[in-house]
Amino acid sequence: MALPTHCKYVIIGAGIHGLSTAWNLAKELKARGKGDGSDIAILDKSGIASGASGIACGVIRNNYFQPAMRKLMAHSVDVWDSDPEAFSYHPVGYMQISSEVMREDVGTIYEQQKEIGYESEFIEGAKDANDYMKSYFDDWQAQGITSVLHEKRGGYANNTKSMYGLAKKAEAEGVTIHSGVKVTDLKLDASGSSVEAVETDKGTIGCDYVVVGGGPWAPHFWDMLELPTQITLKQLDGTVHNNVPMWTYFCLQEGTVAMDPDAFKTNDGNFPPVLHVDTDAPLYSDMDGGLINEDGEMWGIYYKPDFGFGGIQGGTSPYKVEKPYDQVKVDPYGTESKEYVVTDAFVDMWTSALAHCHKRFEGCHKQYKREPSGGLGAFTPDSFPVFDTFRDNCYFIADANHGYKMIGVGALVAQEICGQESELLKPFRFDRYEKGELHPTSHSPFPWS
């Protein structure tokens, strides 16, 4: 389909944010008598779910130490629950299983989940936590666990299937998706105050409004808008840091053990919740018996049975990519990033952690699927999203790798584009860095927790 020469709303990216924003914006415009889906065009250089959304682990959870994230995720879970079939969503629940150093943090999460009416159960104490896990898994054998937060909602979705389900909803509202169209620049007007056109390798599209939902390509579009690559950041304690890089890349470490997903069920024969373990217990290699966390540092994993991935799928903490490169030219999922794949150390750690938790996974490293997994993710200075308007007519969705689970953000962005400010998105404005209104952090080894 040929590109139009002008479209009122141009949305960049056919992943979770681009598709959900288009779908909801079409409905908002129609409800307000201001247009419909025919006023919206989505551009993607490859196609639907071809980037981060298409290889996402797919975990849906509310397990956040930050009140603003927790409220936003509760809203998103509501959207996942609204049409599980279309979104290929499995509402199996989610368990945060932790050692003593995390117990107070997780208890805080539980109390605030109660306050917002998000159903969960909190089990404290080593014996009670172990008994609780044994009630689900006879072969549970993790050491040093003193709390379990069991979210009864949440679960996971099949990545590509869910994105095509979302695309179908957008197209049903009249939205047009243009695949194979690479955005090369955002053309600013003479004053530099607004975007007047989107330049692509297939031609230029004049526009009234632009939404950037580029996921790990966020720095690419940030530079097109001539926004600062370094910022001033004020910590919660008042400490000010200057010249802080706006973007940092981390390599996401995820993988799959090629086992029949049916082999990982609970004692009653049902599929389990998504499991997330954070602990400082000694972790011994299931390959050679050596101690992996020699200094007693925290480690964490998440995992689930998943027919979409063909086995037991999950991951662990990402690692920072230190090698400098031109962020405008880098393709986080292309040839430039092939060195940033999961390492042998990840395979040893993750499969050993599975064996640490369940006897059935002992020796599972032999069945690890040797194929590219994970990918590069663009993180903001505090590793939390930025949802804000830049210039006069460009809404920027920078998810800092929380993206896939945030299916509800699109509805809130659509409302803001139509003039209705969202209380759920206000804590994620760009000016929080300079104002010192950062989100609190927990003891989790994961940078996004």
Protein backbone atom coordinates (compact mmCIF):
# COMPACT_ATOMS: atom_id res chain seq x y z
CA MET A 1 0.00 0.00 0.00
CA ALA A 2 1.41 3.38 -1.02
CA LEU A 3 2.18 5.90 1.70
CA PRO A 4 -0.16 8.87 1.94
CA THR A 5 1.37 12.30 1.41
CA HIS A 6 -0.34 13.49 4.58
CA CYS A 7 -1.90 11.79 7.60
CA LYS A 8 -3.25 13.53 10.66
CA TYR A 9 -1.67 11.10 13.14
CA VAL A 10 1.51 9.16 12.33
CA ILE A 11 2.52 6.48 14.82
CA ILE A 12 6.03 5.02 14.65
CA GLY A 13 6.32 1.37 15.60
CA ALA A 14 4.02 -1.64 15.24
CA GLY A 15 4.78 -3.09 18.65
CA ILE A 16 2.85 -2.98 21.90
CA HIS A 17 2.86 0.81 22.25
CA GLY A 18 2.25 1.77 18.64
CA LEU A 19 -0.58 -0.71 18.14
CA SER A 20 -2.32 -0.07 21.46
CA THR A 21 -2.09 3.72 21.01
CA ALA A 22 -3.51 3.51 17.47
CA TRP A 23 -6.37 1.26 18.54
CA ASN A 24 -7.37 3.51 21.42
CA LEU A 25 -6.76 6.78 19.62
CA ALA A 26 -9.11 5.68 16.85
CA LYS A 27 -11.81 5.00 19.44
CA GLU A 28 -11.17 8.29 21.25
CA LEU A 29 -11.38 10.34 18.05
CA LYS A 30 -14.62 8.66 17.07
CA ALA A 31 -16.17 9.09 20.52
CA ARG A 32 -15.27 12.80 20.55
CA GLY A 33 -16.43 13.39 16.98
CA LYS A 34 -12.92 14.39 15.93
CA GLY A 35 -12.23 11.71 13.34
CA ASP A 36 -11.60 7.98 13.28
CA GLY A 37 -9.02 5.33 12.49
CA SER A 38 -8.67 6.48 8.90
CA ASP A 39 -6.80 9.50 10.29
CA ILE A 40 -4.09 7.22 11.73
CA ALA A 41 -1.14 5.54 10.02
CA ILE A 42 1.34 3.21 11.72
CA LEU A 43 4.83 2.94 10.23
CA ASP A 44 7.23 0.09 10.97
CA LYS A 45 10.52 -0.58 9.24
CA SER A 46 9.87 -4.32 9.30
CA GLY A 47 6.38 -5.28 10.41
CA ILE A 48 4.04 -6.15 13.24
CA ALA A 49 5.92 -7.40 16.33
CA SER A 50 9.25 -7.43 14.49
CA GLY A 51 11.16 -5.78 17.34
CA ALA A 52 11.17 -6.13 21.10
CA SER A 53 7.45 -6.94 21.38
CA GLY A 54 7.90 -9.94 19.11
CA ILE A 55 10.55 -11.64 21.24
CA ALA A 56 9.32 -10.50 24.65
CA CYS A 57 9.09 -13.07 27.41
CA GLY A 58 5.48 -11.94 27.76
CA VAL A 59 5.23 -11.77 31.56
CA ILE A 60 2.29 -9.73 32.91
CA ARG A 61 2.73 -8.66 36.53
CA ASN A 62 2.04 -6.00 39.12
CA ASN A 63 5.11 -6.79 41.22
CA TYR A 64 6.61 -3.31 41.50
CA PHE A 65 8.09 -1.52 44.50
CA GLN A 66 7.16 1.83 42.95
CA PRO A 67 3.57 3.00 43.68
CA ALA A 68 3.25 4.71 40.29
CA MET A 69 4.33 1.59 38.42
CA ARG A 70 2.01 -0.57 40.48
CA LYS A 71 -1.04 1.57 39.65
CA LEU A 72 -0.10 1.69 35.99
CA MET A 73 0.33 -2.07 35.84
CA ALA A 74 -3.01 -2.70 37.55
CA HIS A 75 -4.61 -0.64 34.77
CA SER A 76 -2.75 -2.68 32.15
CA VAL A 77 -3.77 -6.01 33.68
CA ASP A 78 -7.37 -4.85 33.36
CA VAL A 79 -6.79 -4.48 29.62
CA TRP A 80 -5.20 -7.93 29.32
CA ASP A 81 -8.15 -9.38 31.22
CA SER A 82 -10.62 -7.67 28.89
CA ASP A 83 -9.98 -10.04 25.97
CA PRO A 84 -7.66 -12.96 26.84
CA GLU A 85 -8.43 -14.81 23.63
CA ALA A 86 -7.56 -11.94 21.30
CA PHE A 87 -4.44 -11.13 23.31
CA SER A 88 -3.38 -14.80 23.65
CA TYR A 89 -3.21 -14.14 27.37
CA HIS A 90 -2.84 -16.79 30.08
CA PRO A 91 -4.00 -15.40 33.46
CA VAL A 92 -2.14 -17.94 35.61
CA GLY A 93 -0.94 -15.42 38.22
CA TYR A 94 2.54 -14.45 39.38
CA MET A 95 4.74 -15.33 42.36
CA GLN A 96 7.53 -13.17 43.81
CA ILE A 97 9.63 -15.56 45.91
CA SER A 98 12.35 -13.89 47.98
CA SER A 99 15.03 -14.21 50.63
CA GLU A 100 15.12 -12.12 53.81
CA VAL A 101 16.81 -9.07 52.27
CA MET A 102 13.74 -8.57 50.05
CA ARG A 103 11.10 -9.38 52.64
CA GLU A 104 10.35 -5.81 53.79
CA ASP A 105 10.25 -4.48 50.22
CA VAL A 106 7.88 -7.23 49.10
CA GLY A 107 5.71 -6.67 52.17
CA THR A 108 5.37 -3.03 51.11
CA ILE A 109 4.27 -4.14 47.65
CA TYR A 110 1.64 -6.40 49.20
CA GLU A 111 0.23 -3.65 51.43
CA GLN A 112 -0.04 -1.23 48.53
CA GLN A 113 -1.60 -3.87 46.30
CA LYS A 114 -4.29 -4.24 48.95
CA GLU A 115 -4.83 -0.49 48.93
CA ILE A 116 -5.57 -0.46 45.20
CA GLY A 117 -7.69 -3.63 45.34
CA TYR A 118 -5.22 -5.86 43.50
CA GLU A 119 -5.73 -9.41 44.75
CA SER A 120 -2.64 -11.07 46.20
CA GLU A 121 -1.51 -13.20 49.14
CA PHE A 122 1.63 -12.67 51.23
CA ILE A 123 3.31 -15.56 53.04
CA GLU A 124 6.08 -14.74 55.52
CA GLY A 125 8.65 -16.82 57.38
CA ALA A 126 10.95 -19.54 56.09
CA LYS A 127 8.78 -22.49 57.15
CA ASP A 128 5.49 -21.04 55.94
CA ALA A 129 7.04 -19.90 52.65
CA ASN A 130 8.58 -23.32 52.03
CA ASP A 131 5.34 -25.10 52.93
CA TYR A 132 3.43 -22.81 50.57
CA MET A 133 5.78 -23.56 47.68
CA LYS A 134 5.68 -27.30 48.48
CA SER A 135 1.90 -27.16 48.28
CA TYR A 136 2.34 -26.19 44.62
CA PHE A 137 5.50 -28.16 43.76
CA ASP A 138 6.51 -31.39 45.48
CA ASP A 139 10.06 -30.95 44.19
CA TRP A 140 10.55 -27.38 45.46
CA GLN A 141 14.02 -27.17 47.04
CA ALA A 142 15.16 -23.52 47.01
CA GLN A 143 17.09 -22.45 50.09
CA GLY A 144 16.81 -19.28 52.15
CA ILE A 145 13.31 -18.24 51.05
CA THR A 146 11.42 -16.23 53.68
CA SER A 147 8.53 -14.69 51.76
CA VAL A 148 6.19 -15.37 48.87
CA LEU A 149 3.96 -12.73 47.28
CA HIS A 150 1.39 -14.55 45.17
CA GLU A 151 -0.44 -12.25 42.78
CA LYS A 152 -3.64 -13.98 41.77
CA ARG A 153 -3.94 -11.89 38.60
CA GLY A 154 -1.37 -11.46 35.85
CA GLY A 155 0.45 -14.26 34.07
CA TYR A 156 1.87 -14.17 30.56
CA ALA A 157 0.89 -13.77 26.93
CA ASN A 158 2.23 -15.25 23.71
CA ASN A 159 4.20 -12.38 22.22
CA THR A 160 3.61 -12.44 18.47
CA LYS A 161 0.05 -13.77 18.69
CA SER A 162 -0.94 -11.02 21.11
CA MET A 163 0.50 -8.33 18.85
CA TYR A 164 -1.42 -9.61 15.84
CA GLY A 165 -4.56 -9.66 17.99
CA LEU A 166 -3.92 -6.03 18.89
CA ALA A 167 -3.23 -5.14 15.25
CA LYS A 168 -6.54 -6.69 14.26
CA LYS A 169 -8.35 -4.47 16.75
CA ALA A 170 -6.59 -1.37 15.40
CA GLU A 171 -7.34 -2.26 11.79
CA ALA A 172 -10.99 -2.92 12.67
CA GLU A 173 -11.13 0.75 13.73
CA GLY A 174 -9.80 1.83 10.32
CA VAL A 175 -6.11 2.24 11.20
CA THR A 176 -3.65 1.53 8.37
CA ILE A 177 -0.40 -0.31 9.14
CA HIS A 178 2.47 0.29 6.71
CA SER A 179 5.17 -2.38 7.03
CA GLY A 180 8.63 -2.14 5.51
CA VAL A 181 8.77 1.63 5.91
CA LYS A 182 11.82 2.98 7.72
CA VAL A 183 11.61 6.40 9.34
CA THR A 184 14.78 8.33 8.46
CA ASP A 185 14.04 11.70 10.06
CA LEU A 186 11.45 13.84 11.81
CA LYS A 187 11.29 17.14 9.97
CA LEU A 188 10.81 20.12 12.29
CA ASP A 189 9.17 23.35 11.19
CA ALA A 190 11.18 26.54 10.75
CA SER A 191 10.83 27.47 14.43
CA GLY A 192 11.80 23.99 15.59
CA SER A 193 8.70 23.88 17.77
CA SER A 194 6.80 21.08 16.04
CA VAL A 195 7.14 18.15 13.66
CA GLU A 196 5.69 18.97 10.27
CA ALA A 197 6.57 15.74 8.46
CA VAL A 198 7.93 12.24 8.88
CA GLU A 199 10.61 11.37 6.36
CA THR A 200 10.94 7.71 5.37
CA ASP A 201 12.79 5.58 2.84
CA LYS A 202 9.51 5.37 0.92
CA GLY A 203 8.69 9.07 0.89
CA THR A 204 7.67 11.96 3.14
CA ILE A 205 4.39 12.10 5.07
CA GLY A 206 3.08 15.43 6.26
CA CYS A 207 1.39 15.16 9.65
CA ASP A 208 -0.37 17.05 12.41
CA TYR A 209 0.80 14.79 15.21
CA VAL A 210 3.46 12.11 15.75
CA VAL A 211 3.62 9.32 18.33
CA VAL A 212 6.96 7.60 18.87
CA GLY A 213 6.62 4.02 20.10
CA GLY A 214 10.03 2.77 19.00
CA GLY A 215 10.99 0.63 21.99
CA PRO A 216 14.76 -0.01 21.95
CA TRP A 217 15.14 2.44 19.06
CA ALA A 218 14.11 5.32 21.35
CA PRO A 219 17.52 7.08 21.21
CA HIS A 220 17.29 7.08 17.42
CA PHE A 221 14.12 9.20 17.48
CA TRP A 222 15.30 11.23 20.48
CA ASP A 223 18.17 12.47 18.34
CA MET A 224 15.83 13.27 15.45
CA LEU A 225 13.93 15.56 17.81
CA GLU A 226 17.23 17.19 18.83
CA LEU A 227 16.62 16.39 22.50
CA PRO A 228 19.47 16.34 25.08
CA THR A 229 21.72 13.28 25.15
CA GLN A 230 22.88 14.23 28.66
CA ILE A 231 20.69 15.54 31.45
CA THR A 232 20.75 16.90 35.01
CA LEU A 233 19.47 14.35 37.50
CA LYS A 234 18.44 15.17 41.07
CA GLN A 235 18.24 12.22 43.44
CA LEU A 236 15.53 11.78 46.07
CA ASP A 237 18.04 12.87 48.73
CA GLY A 238 18.72 16.13 46.86
CA THR A 239 22.07 15.11 45.36
CA VAL A 240 22.48 16.57 41.88
CA HIS A 241 24.35 14.84 39.06
CA ASN A 242 25.19 16.68 35.86
CA ASN A 243 25.88 15.29 32.40
CA VAL A 244 24.08 12.03 33.05
CA PRO A 245 23.59 10.00 29.83
CA MET A 246 19.95 9.98 28.80
CA TRP A 247 20.23 6.49 27.36
CA THR A 248 22.04 3.35 28.42
CA TYR A 249 21.81 0.01 26.69
CA PHE A 250 21.47 -3.26 28.56
CA CYS A 251 21.55 -6.73 27.06
CA LEU A 252 18.51 -8.72 28.12
CA GLN A 253 19.33 -12.25 29.09
CA GLU A 254 16.56 -14.73 28.34
CA GLY A 255 16.44 -18.28 27.09
CA THR A 256 14.57 -21.56 26.84
CA VAL A 257 15.15 -25.09 28.05
CA ALA A 258 13.77 -27.53 25.48
CA MET A 259 11.46 -29.50 27.76
CA ASP A 260 7.83 -30.41 27.30
CA PRO A 261 5.91 -27.53 28.94
CA ASP A 262 3.45 -30.15 30.19
CA ALA A 263 6.26 -31.46 32.39
CA PHE A 264 6.09 -28.33 34.53
CA LYS A 265 2.75 -28.27 36.28
CA THR A 266 1.61 -27.84 39.86
CA ASN A 267 0.76 -30.74 42.15
CA ASP A 268 -2.88 -30.54 41.11
CA GLY A 269 -2.03 -30.82 37.41
CA ASN A 270 -2.52 -27.16 36.47
CA PHE A 271 -0.07 -24.80 34.82
CA PRO A 272 1.78 -22.76 37.44
CA PRO A 273 1.94 -19.03 37.97
CA VAL A 274 4.91 -17.24 36.47
CA LEU A 275 7.67 -17.71 39.04
CA HIS A 276 10.19 -15.03 39.99
CA VAL A 277 12.90 -15.79 42.56
CA ASP A 278 15.18 -13.13 44.11
CA THR A 279 17.66 -14.45 46.65
CA ASP A 280 21.16 -14.22 48.07
CA ALA A 281 21.40 -17.97 48.73
CA PRO A 282 24.57 -19.70 47.49
CA LEU A 283 24.07 -20.74 43.89
CA TYR A 284 26.09 -23.74 42.77
CA SER A 285 26.62 -24.63 39.14
CA ASP A 286 24.58 -27.58 37.97
CA MET A 287 27.30 -28.12 35.37
CA ASP A 288 30.51 -28.28 37.45
CA GLY A 289 29.46 -27.66 41.08
CA GLY A 290 31.32 -24.37 41.38
CA LEU A 291 29.91 -21.46 43.39
CA ILE A 292 28.44 -18.93 40.96
CA ASN A 293 27.72 -16.01 43.33
CA GLU A 294 31.08 -16.09 45.08
CA ASP A 295 30.58 -12.83 46.96
CA GLY A 296 27.09 -13.73 48.12
CA GLU A 297 25.48 -11.21 45.79
CA MET A 298 21.79 -11.25 45.02
CA TRP A 299 20.61 -13.18 42.00
CA GLY A 300 17.21 -13.49 40.42
CA ILE A 301 15.41 -15.47 37.74
CA TYR A 302 11.93 -15.71 36.26
CA TYR A 303 10.50 -18.69 34.41
CA LYS A 304 7.35 -20.35 33.10
CA PRO A 305 6.26 -23.19 30.84
CA ASP A 306 5.45 -21.75 27.42
CA PHE A 307 4.30 -23.63 24.33
CA GLY A 308 5.05 -20.55 22.22
CA PHE A 309 8.73 -20.87 23.07
CA GLY A 310 8.60 -24.66 23.13
CA GLY A 311 9.85 -25.27 26.64
CA ILE A 312 10.63 -23.63 29.98
CA GLN A 313 11.30 -20.00 29.17
CA GLY A 314 12.56 -17.11 31.25
CA GLY A 315 15.59 -15.04 32.12
CA THR A 316 17.66 -13.13 34.63
CA SER A 317 19.10 -9.65 35.17
CA PRO A 318 20.41 -7.84 32.09
CA TYR A 319 23.97 -6.61 31.82
CA LYS A 320 25.07 -3.13 30.84
CA VAL A 321 26.58 -2.73 27.41
CA GLU A 322 29.68 -0.59 27.85
CA LYS A 323 30.94 -0.58 24.26
CA PRO A 324 30.29 2.87 22.76
CA TYR A 325 28.68 3.09 19.35
CA ASP A 326 26.57 5.47 17.32
CA GLN A 327 23.10 5.06 18.82
CA VAL A 328 21.49 6.56 15.73
CA LYS A 329 22.86 3.81 13.50
CA VAL A 330 22.59 0.84 15.82
CA ASP A 331 19.89 -1.74 15.18
CA PRO A 332 19.16 -3.44 18.53
CA TYR A 333 17.94 -6.56 16.74
CA GLY A 334 20.13 -6.53 13.64
CA THR A 335 23.66 -7.37 12.59
CA GLU A 336 25.27 -4.74 14.82
CA SER A 337 23.96 -6.43 17.97
CA LYS A 338 24.79 -10.07 17.33
CA GLU A 339 27.66 -9.95 19.79
CA TYR A 340 25.15 -9.01 22.48
CA VAL A 341 23.56 -12.42 22.85
CA VAL A 342 23.25 -14.49 26.00
CA THR A 343 26.55 -15.88 27.23
CA ASP A 344 27.70 -19.29 28.47
CA ALA A 345 27.72 -17.72 31.95
CA PHE A 346 24.00 -16.96 31.59
CA VAL A 347 23.22 -20.52 30.51
CA ASP A 348 25.13 -21.89 33.53
CA MET A 349 23.55 -19.42 35.95
CA TRP A 350 19.96 -19.66 34.72
CA THR A 351 19.77 -23.43 34.37
CA SER A 352 21.56 -23.86 37.71
CA ALA A 353 19.04 -21.50 39.32
CA LEU A 354 16.20 -23.62 37.90
CA ALA A 355 17.83 -26.69 39.45
CA HIS A 356 18.28 -24.78 42.72
CA CYS A 357 14.52 -24.24 42.83
CA HIS A 358 13.18 -27.56 41.48
CA LYS A 359 14.66 -31.05 41.51
CA ARG A 360 13.02 -31.78 38.15
CA PHE A 361 15.35 -29.24 36.51
CA GLU A 362 18.60 -30.81 37.65
CA GLY A 363 20.74 -31.41 34.58
CA CYS A 364 18.49 -29.24 32.39
CA HIS A 365 21.49 -27.32 31.02
CA LYS A 366 21.93 -30.18 28.57
CA GLN A 367 18.60 -29.21 26.99
CA TYR A 368 19.23 -25.49 26.71
CA LYS A 369 18.29 -24.22 23.25
CA ARG A 370 21.36 -22.66 21.63
CA GLU A 371 19.76 -19.86 19.71
CA PRO A 372 19.80 -16.04 19.89
CA SER A 373 17.62 -14.74 22.70
CA GLY A 374 17.13 -11.53 24.61
CA GLY A 375 18.33 -8.41 22.82
CA LEU A 376 19.38 -4.85 23.53
CA GLY A 377 17.12 -2.57 25.51
CA ALA A 378 17.31 1.23 25.81
CA PHE A 379 17.09 2.31 29.46
CA THR A 380 16.38 5.80 30.80
CA PRO A 381 18.53 7.32 33.62
CA ASP A 382 16.36 5.75 36.35
CA SER A 383 15.31 2.66 34.33
CA PHE A 384 11.65 3.72 34.36
CA PRO A 385 9.48 4.93 31.49
CA VAL A 386 9.16 8.42 30.09
CA PHE A 387 5.71 9.32 28.76
CA ASP A 388 5.67 12.92 27.63
CA THR A 389 5.10 15.43 24.83
CA PHE A 390 8.13 16.95 23.13
CA ARG A 391 8.05 19.85 20.72
CA ASP A 392 4.41 20.79 20.35
CA ASN A 393 3.04 17.72 18.65
CA CYS A 394 5.15 14.66 19.38
CA TYR A 395 4.20 12.17 22.07
CA PHE A 396 7.19 10.07 23.10
CA ILE A 397 6.71 6.63 24.67
CA ALA A 398 10.04 5.47 26.10
CA ASP A 399 9.34 2.35 28.11
CA ALA A 400 12.85 1.52 29.42
CA ASN A 401 12.11 -2.15 28.83
CA HIS A 402 8.90 -2.42 30.80
CA GLY A 403 7.03 -2.28 27.53
CA TYR A 404 5.25 -5.50 26.65
CA LYS A 405 3.21 -5.80 29.84
CA MET A 406 2.07 -2.15 29.56
CA ILE A 407 -0.72 -2.75 27.07
CA GLY A 408 -2.86 -0.20 28.92
CA VAL A 409 -0.53 2.73 28.24
CA GLY A 410 -1.96 3.21 24.74
CA ALA A 411 -5.41 4.12 26.08
CA LEU A 412 -3.92 6.71 28.43
CA VAL A 413 -1.71 8.20 25.73
CA ALA A 414 -4.73 8.43 23.41
CA GLN A 415 -6.63 10.37 26.07
CA GLU A 416 -3.73 12.74 26.59
CA ILE A 417 -3.41 13.38 22.86
CA CYS A 418 -7.09 14.31 22.92
CA GLY A 419 -6.53 16.77 25.78
CA GLN A 420 -7.30 14.69 28.89
CA GLU A 421 -4.27 14.44 31.18
CA SER A 422 -3.73 11.04 32.80
CA GLU A 423 -2.98 10.87 36.52
CA LEU A 424 -1.37 7.46 35.95
CA LEU A 425 1.14 8.87 33.45
CA LYS A 426 2.01 12.10 35.30
CA PRO A 427 4.75 10.47 37.47
CA PHE A 428 6.62 9.54 34.29
CA ARG A 429 7.23 13.00 32.82
CA PHE A 430 10.71 13.89 31.62
CA ASP A 431 11.09 16.81 34.05
CA ARG A 432 11.11 14.42 37.04
CA TYR A 433 14.87 14.07 36.59
CA GLU A 434 15.56 17.76 37.11
CA LYS A 435 12.92 18.11 39.84
CA GLY A 436 14.19 15.13 41.83
CA GLU A 437 10.84 13.33 41.65
CA LEU A 438 12.34 9.92 40.97
CA HIS A 439 10.79 6.55 41.70
CA PRO A 440 12.03 4.63 44.76
CA THR A 441 14.16 1.53 44.21
CA SER A 442 14.11 -1.83 45.96
CA HIS A 443 16.77 -4.40 46.87
CA SER A 444 15.99 -6.48 43.79
CA PRO A 445 18.91 -7.35 41.48
CA PHE A 446 16.80 -6.25 38.52
CA PRO A 447 17.31 -2.60 37.41
CA TRP A 448 13.60 -2.19 36.63
CA SER A 449 12.39 -3.22 40.11
